[in-house]
């Protein structure tokens, strides 16, 4: 379980996340919605320990991020896969190499270099299976910067799954594609995370996608949670006010 207790994140005089209390339960499919600048990316940064709260607590499986350092923090964060808005892929590496980076924290530098330079047959089979699941197995040895935007997003999803995380956090992962591709990518990520029993928290702008695919919708405005509930139970007027 991931818990935020009065979590606040401030940059100088600007408050990005304002006294947020949340519980994200194992296996939930959660959508964060809200206008640009409302705090979605900052909140996701607190959730994966990439950002440290100015006050309040962020706790994963009973361990507070602030109390951890070194290997303990690295181990805890390895349970959370992060898909940033820019996807975080390495453009001049091949697809299989980018996916191998999903276990960088577990392999260490030398182990990662071995995977990048000479991937073993078992690891290659695992990577190929993931690429089959996301529908681009024929691209396994292509350079990432030779792929379309939608294909790159599928590589980022495969890399997240390769990490074998308990939770996937995705920051606006479909913002750069057309509505039809956005729909298929959300369906794919939802379906795969459910198959693996993983928690998924995804930020979106599209309210229709949030209502159609997610168990729970959390609406943010000015760093505060103003909506939290099942899509068919929350105040739809407030949802549209956030668009």
Protein backbone atom coordinates (compact mmCIF):
# COMPACT_ATOMS: atom_id res chain seq x y z
CA UNK A 1 0.00 0.00 0.00
CA UNK A 2 1.10 3.54 -0.77
CA UNK A 3 0.08 6.23 1.72
CA UNK A 4 0.41 10.00 1.66
CA UNK A 5 -0.22 11.73 4.96
CA UNK A 6 -0.57 15.52 4.74
CA UNK A 7 2.08 15.41 2.02
CA UNK A 8 3.17 18.83 0.83
CA UNK A 9 5.73 19.78 -1.82
CA UNK A 10 6.79 23.40 -2.22
CA UNK A 11 9.27 25.01 -4.59
CA UNK A 12 10.29 28.22 -2.82
CA UNK A 13 6.98 30.09 -2.51
CA UNK A 14 5.08 27.86 -4.94
CA UNK A 15 3.12 24.96 -3.43
CA UNK A 16 2.85 22.15 -6.00
CA UNK A 17 1.23 19.55 -3.70
CA UNK A 18 -0.81 20.88 -0.81
CA UNK A 19 -1.47 18.69 2.26
CA UNK A 20 -2.59 15.61 0.32
CA UNK A 21 -3.95 12.58 2.17
CA UNK A 22 -4.30 9.47 -0.02
CA UNK A 23 -4.17 5.70 0.14
CA UNK A 24 -3.46 3.72 -3.02
CA UNK A 25 -4.36 0.08 -2.42
CA UNK A 26 -2.64 -2.91 -4.05
CA UNK A 27 -4.05 -3.72 -7.50
CA UNK A 28 -5.98 -0.47 -7.92
CA UNK A 29 -6.23 1.27 -11.29
CA UNK A 30 -6.17 4.98 -10.48
CA UNK A 31 -6.32 8.01 -12.77
CA UNK A 32 -5.08 11.46 -11.76
CA UNK A 33 -6.81 14.21 -13.70
CA UNK A 34 -6.63 17.97 -13.70
CA UNK A 35 -5.42 20.95 -15.73
CA UNK A 36 -1.77 21.66 -16.50
CA UNK A 37 0.05 22.90 -13.43
CA UNK A 38 -2.39 21.34 -10.96
CA UNK A 39 0.29 19.13 -9.38
CA UNK A 40 -0.12 15.75 -11.10
CA UNK A 41 3.56 15.31 -12.02
CA UNK A 42 4.72 16.54 -8.61
CA UNK A 43 2.34 14.15 -6.85
CA UNK A 44 3.64 11.23 -8.92
CA UNK A 45 7.19 12.31 -8.06
CA UNK A 46 6.35 12.05 -4.36
CA UNK A 47 4.74 8.66 -4.90
CA UNK A 48 7.89 7.12 -6.38
CA UNK A 49 10.35 8.78 -4.02
CA UNK A 50 11.96 10.83 -6.78
CA UNK A 51 10.90 13.98 -4.94
CA UNK A 52 11.01 14.48 -1.18
CA UNK A 53 8.05 16.09 0.53
CA UNK A 54 8.54 19.47 2.21
CA UNK A 55 6.31 18.22 5.03
CA UNK A 56 4.07 15.25 5.70
CA UNK A 57 4.83 11.61 4.99
CA UNK A 58 4.97 9.27 1.96
CA UNK A 59 4.93 5.60 2.95
CA UNK A 60 5.24 2.48 0.77
CA UNK A 61 4.51 -0.89 2.38
CA UNK A 62 5.01 0.60 5.83
CA UNK A 63 8.36 2.28 4.99
CA UNK A 64 8.56 6.05 4.87
CA UNK A 65 10.69 7.34 2.01
CA UNK A 66 12.32 10.02 4.19
CA UNK A 67 13.61 7.38 6.60
CA UNK A 68 15.39 5.45 3.86
CA UNK A 69 18.73 6.04 2.17
CA UNK A 70 21.28 4.22 0.07
CA UNK A 71 20.49 0.59 -0.75
CA UNK A 72 17.27 0.57 1.28
CA UNK A 73 15.85 3.49 -0.69
CA UNK A 74 17.02 1.99 -3.97
CA UNK A 75 15.40 -1.34 -3.13
CA UNK A 76 12.10 0.29 -2.16
CA UNK A 77 12.02 2.47 -5.28
CA UNK A 78 12.77 -0.56 -7.48
CA UNK A 79 9.26 -1.80 -6.66
CA UNK A 80 7.81 1.18 -8.53
CA UNK A 81 8.12 1.50 -12.31
CA UNK A 82 8.13 5.07 -13.62
CA UNK A 83 6.96 6.08 -17.11
CA UNK A 84 7.71 9.81 -17.46
CA UNK A 85 5.93 12.05 -19.93
CA UNK A 86 8.99 12.07 -22.22
CA UNK A 87 9.17 8.25 -21.79
CA UNK A 88 12.82 8.35 -20.66
CA UNK A 89 14.09 6.07 -23.44
CA UNK A 90 17.69 6.17 -24.70
CA UNK A 91 17.34 7.19 -28.37
CA UNK A 92 20.50 5.61 -29.78
CA UNK A 93 19.99 2.23 -28.09
CA UNK A 94 17.98 -0.62 -29.55
CA UNK A 95 14.59 -1.67 -28.24
CA UNK A 96 15.88 -4.74 -26.37
CA UNK A 97 18.59 -2.62 -24.73
CA UNK A 98 16.11 0.00 -23.59
CA UNK A 99 13.94 -2.69 -22.03
CA UNK A 100 16.98 -4.17 -20.26
CA UNK A 101 17.38 -0.78 -18.55
CA UNK A 102 14.19 -1.59 -16.64
CA UNK A 103 16.27 -3.69 -14.24
CA UNK A 104 19.20 -1.31 -13.97
CA UNK A 105 18.72 -0.84 -10.22
CA UNK A 106 18.67 -4.61 -9.64
CA UNK A 107 21.52 -5.54 -11.99
CA UNK A 108 24.01 -2.86 -10.99
CA UNK A 109 26.31 -1.19 -13.50
CA UNK A 110 28.28 -4.29 -14.54
CA UNK A 111 25.17 -6.45 -14.89
CA UNK A 112 23.44 -3.82 -16.99
CA UNK A 113 26.48 -3.46 -19.27
CA UNK A 114 26.47 -7.22 -19.85
CA UNK A 115 22.79 -7.09 -20.84
CA UNK A 116 23.34 -4.15 -23.15
CA UNK A 117 26.38 -5.65 -24.90
CA UNK A 118 25.51 -9.35 -24.94
CA UNK A 119 22.01 -10.26 -23.80
CA UNK A 120 21.63 -13.88 -22.79
CA UNK A 121 19.13 -16.18 -24.52
CA UNK A 122 16.80 -16.40 -21.50
CA UNK A 123 16.70 -12.64 -21.07
CA UNK A 124 16.17 -12.16 -24.81
CA UNK A 125 13.20 -14.56 -24.71
CA UNK A 126 11.69 -12.62 -21.81
CA UNK A 127 12.13 -9.32 -23.65
CA UNK A 128 10.65 -10.79 -26.83
CA UNK A 129 7.64 -12.10 -24.90
CA UNK A 130 7.00 -8.62 -23.49
CA UNK A 131 7.27 -7.09 -26.95
CA UNK A 132 4.75 -9.65 -28.23
CA UNK A 133 2.39 -8.59 -25.46
CA UNK A 134 2.66 -4.95 -26.46
CA UNK A 135 2.44 -5.80 -30.18
CA UNK A 136 5.86 -4.79 -31.55
CA UNK A 137 7.98 -7.95 -31.33
CA UNK A 138 9.37 -7.31 -34.83
CA UNK A 139 11.05 -4.13 -33.53
CA UNK A 140 13.25 -5.89 -30.95
CA UNK A 141 16.55 -4.88 -32.58
CA UNK A 142 15.47 -1.51 -33.99
CA UNK A 143 16.90 1.71 -32.62
CA UNK A 144 14.34 3.53 -30.52
CA UNK A 145 14.79 6.81 -32.41
CA UNK A 146 13.68 5.01 -35.60
CA UNK A 147 10.28 4.14 -34.11
CA UNK A 148 7.02 6.06 -34.21
CA UNK A 149 5.75 7.84 -31.10
CA UNK A 150 3.19 5.13 -30.43
CA UNK A 151 5.80 2.39 -30.78
CA UNK A 152 8.13 4.21 -28.38
CA UNK A 153 5.33 4.33 -25.84
CA UNK A 154 4.92 0.57 -26.16
CA UNK A 155 8.65 0.14 -25.53
CA UNK A 156 8.30 2.26 -22.38
CA UNK A 157 5.41 0.05 -21.21
CA UNK A 158 7.44 -3.11 -21.88
CA UNK A 159 10.40 -1.65 -19.98
CA UNK A 160 8.15 -0.90 -17.00
CA UNK A 161 6.80 -4.46 -16.98
CA UNK A 162 10.33 -5.88 -17.31
CA UNK A 163 11.15 -4.23 -14.00
CA UNK A 164 8.60 -6.58 -12.34
CA UNK A 165 7.25 -3.79 -10.15
CA UNK A 166 4.45 -3.80 -7.63
CA UNK A 167 3.27 -0.46 -8.96
CA UNK A 168 3.44 1.47 -12.24
CA UNK A 169 3.27 5.26 -12.25
CA UNK A 170 2.69 6.83 -15.67
CA UNK A 171 2.79 10.59 -16.24
CA UNK A 172 0.64 11.62 -19.23
CA UNK A 173 1.87 8.60 -21.25
CA UNK A 174 -0.52 9.26 -24.17
CA UNK A 175 -0.25 13.04 -24.47
CA UNK A 176 1.71 12.91 -27.75
CA UNK A 177 -0.57 10.60 -29.76
CA UNK A 178 -3.95 10.97 -31.45
CA UNK A 179 -7.16 10.03 -29.57
CA UNK A 180 -7.50 6.57 -31.13
CA UNK A 181 -3.90 5.61 -30.29
CA UNK A 182 -4.34 7.10 -26.82
CA UNK A 183 -7.34 4.84 -26.25
CA UNK A 184 -5.47 1.71 -27.39
CA UNK A 185 -2.43 2.52 -25.24
CA UNK A 186 -4.53 3.12 -22.12
CA UNK A 187 -6.38 -0.16 -22.78
CA UNK A 188 -3.04 -1.93 -23.19
CA UNK A 189 -1.49 -0.58 -19.99
CA UNK A 190 -4.65 -1.20 -17.97
CA UNK A 191 -4.95 -4.76 -19.30
CA UNK A 192 -1.30 -5.67 -18.74
CA UNK A 193 -1.17 -4.25 -15.22
CA UNK A 194 -4.34 -6.15 -14.31
CA UNK A 195 -2.90 -9.38 -15.71
CA UNK A 196 0.18 -8.93 -13.52
CA UNK A 197 -1.81 -7.81 -10.46
CA UNK A 198 0.06 -4.51 -10.40
CA UNK A 199 -1.15 -1.19 -9.07
CA UNK A 200 -1.42 1.48 -11.78
CA UNK A 201 -1.55 5.24 -11.25
CA UNK A 202 -1.75 7.24 -14.47
CA UNK A 203 -2.16 10.97 -15.00
CA UNK A 204 -4.31 12.12 -17.90
CA UNK A 205 -6.02 15.20 -19.28
CA UNK A 206 -8.75 13.23 -21.03
CA UNK A 207 -11.74 12.90 -18.70
CA UNK A 208 -13.53 10.47 -21.03
CA UNK A 209 -10.60 8.03 -20.85
CA UNK A 210 -10.51 8.39 -17.08
CA UNK A 211 -14.22 7.63 -16.72
CA UNK A 212 -14.16 4.74 -19.19
CA UNK A 213 -11.16 2.72 -18.02
CA UNK A 214 -10.31 3.41 -14.38
CA UNK A 215 -11.64 2.06 -11.09
CA UNK A 216 -10.90 5.32 -9.31
CA UNK A 217 -10.49 8.94 -10.38
CA UNK A 218 -8.56 11.50 -8.34
CA UNK A 219 -9.05 15.09 -9.47
CA UNK A 220 -6.51 17.75 -8.59
CA UNK A 221 -6.72 21.52 -8.54
CA UNK A 222 -3.94 23.82 -7.29
CA UNK A 223 -2.15 20.88 -5.67
CA UNK A 224 -5.17 19.72 -3.70
CA UNK A 225 -7.39 16.65 -4.11
CA UNK A 226 -10.91 17.85 -4.93
CA UNK A 227 -12.34 14.59 -6.31
CA UNK A 228 -11.69 11.02 -5.22
CA UNK A 229 -13.95 8.11 -6.07
CA UNK A 230 -15.31 5.71 -8.65
CA UNK A 231 -16.05 7.39 -12.03
CA UNK A 232 -19.79 6.71 -11.72
CA UNK A 233 -19.92 8.08 -8.16
CA UNK A 234 -17.98 11.35 -8.35
CA UNK A 235 -19.57 14.70 -9.16
CA UNK A 236 -19.34 14.90 -12.94
CA UNK A 237 -19.77 18.66 -12.88
CA UNK A 238 -16.59 18.97 -10.85
CA UNK A 239 -14.83 16.61 -13.25
CA UNK A 240 -15.63 18.85 -16.19
CA UNK A 241 -14.65 21.90 -14.19
CA UNK A 242 -11.15 20.41 -14.12
CA UNK A 243 -10.82 20.19 -17.90
